[in-house]
């Protein structure tokens, strides 16, 4: 007969008070669900400040889940960047093109025009896609499709989106976080990606979620 050793009690991997463990769990769930936590939303402000205070805990726990976590003070943002391919977001072709266009619009305003903020309307975004960037890749987006794509980008804190009564007048602010999710260092890299765009059904980007829709 083989005697099995009795299990011994060992300290938990993260020895925290129950309340702090609950907060840490909430932070990880939010990072996995939406890729970031912003201090600019009232509903997330308390969690953002908790993460700032206990950032090393967040960083250590997130690493176990395959995430690199960045604390971006100037944007009041905790952002998760997947370190494993299984967590990277797989966007369908139409969403990929919109996100590429949003990156381009932000880059033009920040780098070329020297502006601190990057604003455009849905009408301007559609015009950018159809008239300037990749006119042969896709036709006009139906409202429902475009709104779904923009709200997804807003959920990842890549843009702020304000819907208007006339959808084409809806406002978009492109946020700097998009540079870490659509990680082109310069326009030449964007152009190379865009030129090969028509061949891919989906493109993998950085947010910490895999899209299954």
C-alpha atoms as a PDB file:
ATOM      1  CA  UNK A   1       0.000   0.000   0.000  1.00  0.00           C
ATOM      2  CA  UNK A   2       1.290   3.428  -0.936  1.00  0.00           C
ATOM      3  CA  UNK A   3       0.728   6.099   1.640  1.00  0.00           C
ATOM      4  CA  UNK A   4      -0.169   9.491   0.236  1.00  0.00           C
ATOM      5  CA  UNK A   5       1.080  12.529   2.142  1.00  0.00           C
ATOM      6  CA  UNK A   6      -1.544  14.530   3.947  1.00  0.00           C
ATOM      7  CA  UNK A   7      -2.287  17.899   2.322  1.00  0.00           C
ATOM      8  CA  UNK A   8      -0.731  20.748   4.217  1.00  0.00           C
ATOM      9  CA  UNK A   9      -2.125  24.207   4.579  1.00  0.00           C
ATOM     10  CA  UNK A  10      -0.250  26.814   2.616  1.00  0.00           C
ATOM     11  CA  UNK A  11      -0.723  30.564   2.357  1.00  0.00           C
ATOM     12  CA  UNK A  12      -2.846  31.825  -0.510  1.00  0.00           C
ATOM     13  CA  UNK A  13      -1.093  33.025  -3.613  1.00  0.00           C
ATOM     14  CA  UNK A  14      -2.227  36.557  -2.866  1.00  0.00           C
ATOM     15  CA  UNK A  15      -2.601  37.056   0.859  1.00  0.00           C
ATOM     16  CA  UNK A  16      -4.946  40.017   1.046  1.00  0.00           C
ATOM     17  CA  UNK A  17      -7.837  40.975   3.294  1.00  0.00           C
ATOM     18  CA  UNK A  18     -11.171  39.807   1.931  1.00  0.00           C
ATOM     19  CA  UNK A  19     -12.280  43.301   0.901  1.00  0.00           C
ATOM     20  CA  UNK A  20      -9.072  43.953  -1.019  1.00  0.00           C
ATOM     21  CA  UNK A  21      -9.260  40.549  -2.715  1.00  0.00           C
ATOM     22  CA  UNK A  22     -12.760  41.424  -3.893  1.00  0.00           C
ATOM     23  CA  UNK A  23     -11.501  44.734  -5.297  1.00  0.00           C
ATOM     24  CA  UNK A  24      -8.615  42.998  -7.044  1.00  0.00           C
ATOM     25  CA  UNK A  25     -11.003  40.480  -8.554  1.00  0.00           C
ATOM     26  CA  UNK A  26     -13.223  43.309  -9.780  1.00  0.00           C
ATOM     27  CA  UNK A  27     -10.212  45.002 -11.392  1.00  0.00           C
ATOM     28  CA  UNK A  28      -9.105  41.824 -13.179  1.00  0.00           C
ATOM     29  CA  UNK A  29     -12.617  41.132 -14.441  1.00  0.00           C
ATOM     30  CA  UNK A  30     -12.862  44.659 -15.836  1.00  0.00           C
ATOM     31  CA  UNK A  31      -9.461  44.424 -17.518  1.00  0.00           C
ATOM     32  CA  UNK A  32     -10.356  41.096 -19.111  1.00  0.00           C
ATOM     33  CA  UNK A  33     -13.770  42.335 -20.217  1.00  0.00           C
ATOM     34  CA  UNK A  34     -12.902  45.762 -21.605  1.00  0.00           C
ATOM     35  CA  UNK A  35      -9.116  46.012 -21.661  1.00  0.00           C
ATOM     36  CA  UNK A  36      -8.841  49.064 -19.428  1.00  0.00           C
ATOM     37  CA  UNK A  37     -10.128  50.988 -16.425  1.00  0.00           C
ATOM     38  CA  UNK A  38     -10.583  54.730 -16.740  1.00  0.00           C
ATOM     39  CA  UNK A  39     -10.684  57.291 -13.992  1.00  0.00           C
ATOM     40  CA  UNK A  40     -12.704  59.649 -16.205  1.00  0.00           C
ATOM     41  CA  UNK A  41     -15.975  57.755 -15.764  1.00  0.00           C
ATOM     42  CA  UNK A  42     -17.808  58.212 -12.486  1.00  0.00           C
ATOM     43  CA  UNK A  43     -18.771  54.538 -12.401  1.00  0.00           C
ATOM     44  CA  UNK A  44     -15.129  53.420 -12.689  1.00  0.00           C
ATOM     45  CA  UNK A  45     -13.369  56.236 -10.842  1.00  0.00           C
ATOM     46  CA  UNK A  46     -13.207  54.509  -7.445  1.00  0.00           C
ATOM     47  CA  UNK A  47     -11.840  51.310  -8.997  1.00  0.00           C
ATOM     48  CA  UNK A  48      -9.263  53.286 -10.993  1.00  0.00           C
ATOM     49  CA  UNK A  49      -7.983  55.035  -7.853  1.00  0.00           C
ATOM     50  CA  UNK A  50      -7.843  51.721  -5.991  1.00  0.00           C
ATOM     51  CA  UNK A  51      -5.777  50.250  -8.830  1.00  0.00           C
ATOM     52  CA  UNK A  52      -3.414  53.216  -8.721  1.00  0.00           C
ATOM     53  CA  UNK A  53      -2.936  52.798  -4.993  1.00  0.00           C
ATOM     54  CA  UNK A  54      -2.331  49.058  -5.209  1.00  0.00           C
ATOM     55  CA  UNK A  55      -0.861  48.908  -8.693  1.00  0.00           C
ATOM     56  CA  UNK A  56       1.757  46.282  -7.836  1.00  0.00           C
ATOM     57  CA  UNK A  57      -0.987  43.896  -6.732  1.00  0.00           C
ATOM     58  CA  UNK A  58      -2.883  44.514  -9.961  1.00  0.00           C
ATOM     59  CA  UNK A  59       0.255  44.094 -12.032  1.00  0.00           C
ATOM     60  CA  UNK A  60       1.228  40.815 -10.345  1.00  0.00           C
ATOM     61  CA  UNK A  61      -2.236  39.280 -10.555  1.00  0.00           C
ATOM     62  CA  UNK A  62      -2.759  40.387 -14.162  1.00  0.00           C
ATOM     63  CA  UNK A  63       0.555  38.809 -15.182  1.00  0.00           C
ATOM     64  CA  UNK A  64      -0.793  35.428 -14.034  1.00  0.00           C
ATOM     65  CA  UNK A  65      -3.715  35.935 -16.424  1.00  0.00           C
ATOM     66  CA  UNK A  66      -1.413  36.764 -19.351  1.00  0.00           C
ATOM     67  CA  UNK A  67      -1.757  40.541 -19.225  1.00  0.00           C
ATOM     68  CA  UNK A  68       0.781  43.332 -19.085  1.00  0.00           C
ATOM     69  CA  UNK A  69      -0.794  46.256 -17.249  1.00  0.00           C
ATOM     70  CA  UNK A  70       0.175  49.874 -17.853  1.00  0.00           C
ATOM     71  CA  UNK A  71      -0.579  52.824 -15.585  1.00  0.00           C
ATOM     72  CA  UNK A  72      -0.927  55.880 -17.832  1.00  0.00           C
ATOM     73  CA  UNK A  73      -1.155  58.830 -15.437  1.00  0.00           C
ATOM     74  CA  UNK A  74      -1.737  61.555 -18.010  1.00  0.00           C
ATOM     75  CA  UNK A  75      -4.729  59.677 -19.468  1.00  0.00           C
ATOM     76  CA  UNK A  76      -6.056  58.514 -16.074  1.00  0.00           C
ATOM     77  CA  UNK A  77      -6.076  55.007 -17.481  1.00  0.00           C
ATOM     78  CA  UNK A  78      -5.131  51.502 -16.406  1.00  0.00           C
ATOM     79  CA  UNK A  79      -4.657  49.587 -19.664  1.00  0.00           C
ATOM     80  CA  UNK A  80      -4.130  45.857 -20.194  1.00  0.00           C
ATOM     81  CA  UNK A  81      -2.041  44.613 -23.117  1.00  0.00           C
ATOM     82  CA  UNK A  82      -2.278  40.825 -23.711  1.00  0.00           C
ATOM     83  CA  UNK A  83       1.023  38.977 -23.609  1.00  0.00           C
ATOM     84  CA  UNK A  84      -0.527  35.832 -25.072  1.00  0.00           C
ATOM     85  CA  UNK A  85      -2.231  35.424 -28.420  1.00  0.00           C
ATOM     86  CA  UNK A  86      -5.250  33.691 -26.905  1.00  0.00           C
ATOM     87  CA  UNK A  87      -6.349  36.966 -25.272  1.00  0.00           C
ATOM     88  CA  UNK A  88      -5.945  39.207 -28.296  1.00  0.00           C
ATOM     89  CA  UNK A  89      -9.092  40.565 -29.866  1.00  0.00           C
ATOM     90  CA  UNK A  90      -9.961  39.165 -33.281  1.00  0.00           C
ATOM     91  CA  UNK A  91     -11.843  41.813 -35.190  1.00  0.00           C
ATOM     92  CA  UNK A  92     -13.919  41.144 -38.301  1.00  0.00           C
ATOM     93  CA  UNK A  93     -12.864  42.921 -41.451  1.00  0.00           C
ATOM     94  CA  UNK A  94     -15.346  45.803 -41.253  1.00  0.00           C
ATOM     95  CA  UNK A  95     -14.412  46.639 -37.647  1.00  0.00           C
ATOM     96  CA  UNK A  96     -10.703  46.418 -38.452  1.00  0.00           C
ATOM     97  CA  UNK A  97     -11.080  49.054 -41.149  1.00  0.00           C
ATOM     98  CA  UNK A  98     -12.954  51.427 -38.837  1.00  0.00           C
ATOM     99  CA  UNK A  99     -10.311  51.042 -36.104  1.00  0.00           C
ATOM    100  CA  UNK A 100      -7.565  51.676 -38.659  1.00  0.00           C
ATOM    101  CA  UNK A 101      -9.401  54.812 -39.769  1.00  0.00           C
ATOM    102  CA  UNK A 102      -9.771  55.988 -36.167  1.00  0.00           C
ATOM    103  CA  UNK A 103      -6.023  55.505 -35.609  1.00  0.00           C
ATOM    104  CA  UNK A 104      -5.318  57.480 -38.785  1.00  0.00           C
ATOM    105  CA  UNK A 105      -7.667  60.323 -37.795  1.00  0.00           C
ATOM    106  CA  UNK A 106      -6.006  60.596 -34.391  1.00  0.00           C
ATOM    107  CA  UNK A 107      -2.500  60.470 -35.827  1.00  0.00           C
ATOM    108  CA  UNK A 108      -3.246  63.255 -38.314  1.00  0.00           C
ATOM    109  CA  UNK A 109      -4.617  65.558 -35.639  1.00  0.00           C
ATOM    110  CA  UNK A 110      -1.974  64.827 -32.992  1.00  0.00           C
ATOM    111  CA  UNK A 111       1.133  64.614 -35.145  1.00  0.00           C
ATOM    112  CA  UNK A 112       0.441  66.520 -38.349  1.00  0.00           C
ATOM    113  CA  UNK A 113      -1.844  69.242 -37.022  1.00  0.00           C
ATOM    114  CA  UNK A 114      -0.332  69.476 -33.532  1.00  0.00           C
ATOM    115  CA  UNK A 115      -3.690  69.265 -31.798  1.00  0.00           C
ATOM    116  CA  UNK A 116      -4.137  67.985 -28.247  1.00  0.00           C
ATOM    117  CA  UNK A 117      -7.452  66.285 -29.001  1.00  0.00           C
ATOM    118  CA  UNK A 118      -8.798  64.430 -32.011  1.00  0.00           C
ATOM    119  CA  UNK A 119     -12.475  65.042 -32.822  1.00  0.00           C
ATOM    120  CA  UNK A 120     -14.532  64.007 -35.831  1.00  0.00           C
ATOM    121  CA  UNK A 121     -18.108  63.098 -36.662  1.00  0.00           C
ATOM    122  CA  UNK A 122     -19.442  59.809 -37.974  1.00  0.00           C
ATOM    123  CA  UNK A 123     -19.975  61.563 -41.310  1.00  0.00           C
ATOM    124  CA  UNK A 124     -16.306  62.612 -41.396  1.00  0.00           C
ATOM    125  CA  UNK A 125     -15.216  59.091 -40.435  1.00  0.00           C
ATOM    126  CA  UNK A 126     -17.277  57.579 -43.264  1.00  0.00           C
ATOM    127  CA  UNK A 127     -15.830  60.108 -45.674  1.00  0.00           C
ATOM    128  CA  UNK A 128     -12.314  59.309 -44.507  1.00  0.00           C
ATOM    129  CA  UNK A 129     -12.833  55.606 -45.140  1.00  0.00           C
ATOM    130  CA  UNK A 130     -14.659  55.843 -48.464  1.00  0.00           C
ATOM    131  CA  UNK A 131     -12.910  58.805 -50.088  1.00  0.00           C
ATOM    132  CA  UNK A 132      -9.334  58.791 -48.774  1.00  0.00           C
ATOM    133  CA  UNK A 133      -8.126  55.625 -47.095  1.00  0.00           C
ATOM    134  CA  UNK A 134      -9.358  52.431 -48.717  1.00  0.00           C
ATOM    135  CA  UNK A 135     -12.193  53.420 -51.072  1.00  0.00           C
ATOM    136  CA  UNK A 136     -12.400  50.023 -52.796  1.00  0.00           C
ATOM    137  CA  UNK A 137     -12.336  47.894 -49.648  1.00  0.00           C
ATOM    138  CA  UNK A 138     -15.873  48.473 -48.451  1.00  0.00           C
ATOM    139  CA  UNK A 139     -19.019  50.387 -49.293  1.00  0.00           C
ATOM    140  CA  UNK A 140     -21.005  52.579 -46.981  1.00  0.00           C
ATOM    141  CA  UNK A 141     -21.491  51.133 -43.506  1.00  0.00           C
ATOM    142  CA  UNK A 142     -25.088  50.555 -42.362  1.00  0.00           C
ATOM    143  CA  UNK A 143     -25.872  52.612 -39.280  1.00  0.00           C
ATOM    144  CA  UNK A 144     -26.290  49.550 -37.059  1.00  0.00           C
ATOM    145  CA  UNK A 145     -22.915  48.121 -38.062  1.00  0.00           C
ATOM    146  CA  UNK A 146     -21.038  51.393 -37.588  1.00  0.00           C
ATOM    147  CA  UNK A 147     -22.696  52.104 -34.251  1.00  0.00           C
ATOM    148  CA  UNK A 148     -21.840  48.617 -32.957  1.00  0.00           C
ATOM    149  CA  UNK A 149     -18.194  49.032 -34.000  1.00  0.00           C
ATOM    150  CA  UNK A 150     -17.902  52.479 -32.428  1.00  0.00           C
ATOM    151  CA  UNK A 151     -19.526  51.391 -29.174  1.00  0.00           C
ATOM    152  CA  UNK A 152     -17.093  48.483 -28.983  1.00  0.00           C
ATOM    153  CA  UNK A 153     -14.181  50.893 -29.437  1.00  0.00           C
ATOM    154  CA  UNK A 154     -15.683  53.120 -26.726  1.00  0.00           C
ATOM    155  CA  UNK A 155     -15.992  50.134 -24.379  1.00  0.00           C
ATOM    156  CA  UNK A 156     -12.240  49.604 -24.732  1.00  0.00           C
ATOM    157  CA  UNK A 157     -11.686  53.332 -23.990  1.00  0.00           C
ATOM    158  CA  UNK A 158     -10.186  53.911 -27.440  1.00  0.00           C
ATOM    159  CA  UNK A 159     -12.713  56.619 -28.266  1.00  0.00           C
ATOM    160  CA  UNK A 160     -15.478  58.630 -26.662  1.00  0.00           C
ATOM    161  CA  UNK A 161     -18.715  58.366 -28.596  1.00  0.00           C
ATOM    162  CA  UNK A 162     -21.701  60.687 -28.329  1.00  0.00           C
ATOM    163  CA  UNK A 163     -24.711  59.550 -30.354  1.00  0.00           C
ATOM    164  CA  UNK A 164     -26.786  62.297 -31.972  1.00  0.00           C
ATOM    165  CA  UNK A 165     -30.372  62.306 -33.225  1.00  0.00           C
ATOM    166  CA  UNK A 166     -28.986  62.257 -36.755  1.00  0.00           C
ATOM    167  CA  UNK A 167     -26.441  59.461 -36.540  1.00  0.00           C
ATOM    168  CA  UNK A 168     -24.082  61.021 -39.087  1.00  0.00           C
ATOM    169  CA  UNK A 169     -23.677  63.981 -36.718  1.00  0.00           C
ATOM    170  CA  UNK A 170     -22.640  61.764 -33.789  1.00  0.00           C
ATOM    171  CA  UNK A 171     -19.380  62.880 -32.213  1.00  0.00           C
ATOM    172  CA  UNK A 172     -16.196  60.855 -31.820  1.00  0.00           C
ATOM    173  CA  UNK A 173     -13.107  61.741 -29.823  1.00  0.00           C
ATOM    174  CA  UNK A 174     -10.180  59.444 -30.605  1.00  0.00           C
ATOM    175  CA  UNK A 175      -8.198  58.748 -27.431  1.00  0.00           C
ATOM    176  CA  UNK A 176      -4.422  58.185 -27.224  1.00  0.00           C
ATOM    177  CA  UNK A 177      -4.978  54.639 -25.905  1.00  0.00           C
ATOM    178  CA  UNK A 178      -5.683  53.565 -29.480  1.00  0.00           C
ATOM    179  CA  UNK A 179      -1.952  53.859 -30.194  1.00  0.00           C
ATOM    180  CA  UNK A 180      -1.266  50.932 -27.863  1.00  0.00           C
ATOM    181  CA  UNK A 181      -4.041  48.766 -29.286  1.00  0.00           C
ATOM    182  CA  UNK A 182      -3.419  49.551 -32.960  1.00  0.00           C
ATOM    183  CA  UNK A 183       0.346  49.757 -32.386  1.00  0.00           C
ATOM    184  CA  UNK A 184       1.802  51.548 -35.406  1.00  0.00           C
ATOM    185  CA  UNK A 185       4.783  53.723 -34.585  1.00  0.00           C
ATOM    186  CA  UNK A 186       4.441  55.768 -37.736  1.00  0.00           C
ATOM    187  CA  UNK A 187       2.176  56.285 -40.719  1.00  0.00           C
ATOM    188  CA  UNK A 188       4.327  54.089 -42.980  1.00  0.00           C
ATOM    189  CA  UNK A 189       3.445  51.055 -40.868  1.00  0.00           C
ATOM    190  CA  UNK A 190      -0.230  51.972 -41.059  1.00  0.00           C
ATOM    191  CA  UNK A 191       0.001  52.297 -44.851  1.00  0.00           C
ATOM    192  CA  UNK A 192       1.603  48.870 -45.151  1.00  0.00           C
ATOM    193  CA  UNK A 193      -1.152  47.292 -43.053  1.00  0.00           C
ATOM    194  CA  UNK A 194      -3.877  49.109 -44.974  1.00  0.00           C
ATOM    195  CA  UNK A 195      -2.459  48.072 -48.368  1.00  0.00           C
ATOM    196  CA  UNK A 196      -2.785  44.387 -47.424  1.00  0.00           C
ATOM    197  CA  UNK A 197      -6.184  44.897 -45.874  1.00  0.00           C
ATOM    198  CA  UNK A 198      -8.380  43.437 -48.607  1.00  0.00           C
ATOM    199  CA  UNK A 199      -7.026  39.934 -48.157  1.00  0.00           C
ATOM    200  CA  UNK A 200      -7.907  39.339 -44.503  1.00  0.00           C
ATOM    201  CA  UNK A 201     -11.252  38.284 -43.070  1.00  0.00           C
ATOM    202  CA  UNK A 202     -10.195  39.260 -39.561  1.00  0.00           C
ATOM    203  CA  UNK A 203      -7.274  40.977 -37.901  1.00  0.00           C
ATOM    204  CA  UNK A 204      -5.856  40.383 -34.454  1.00  0.00           C
ATOM    205  CA  UNK A 205      -5.317  43.427 -32.240  1.00  0.00           C
ATOM    206  CA  UNK A 206      -4.312  43.949 -28.651  1.00  0.00           C
ATOM    207  CA  UNK A 207      -7.285  44.369 -26.279  1.00  0.00           C
ATOM    208  CA  UNK A 208      -7.703  41.695 -23.639  1.00  0.00           C
ATOM    209  CA  UNK A 209     -10.718  39.920 -25.058  1.00  0.00           C
ATOM    210  CA  UNK A 210     -11.475  37.503 -27.866  1.00  0.00           C
ATOM    211  CA  UNK A 211     -14.509  38.543 -29.890  1.00  0.00           C
ATOM    212  CA  UNK A 212     -16.771  35.646 -30.762  1.00  0.00           C
ATOM    213  CA  UNK A 213     -19.644  37.424 -32.462  1.00  0.00           C
END
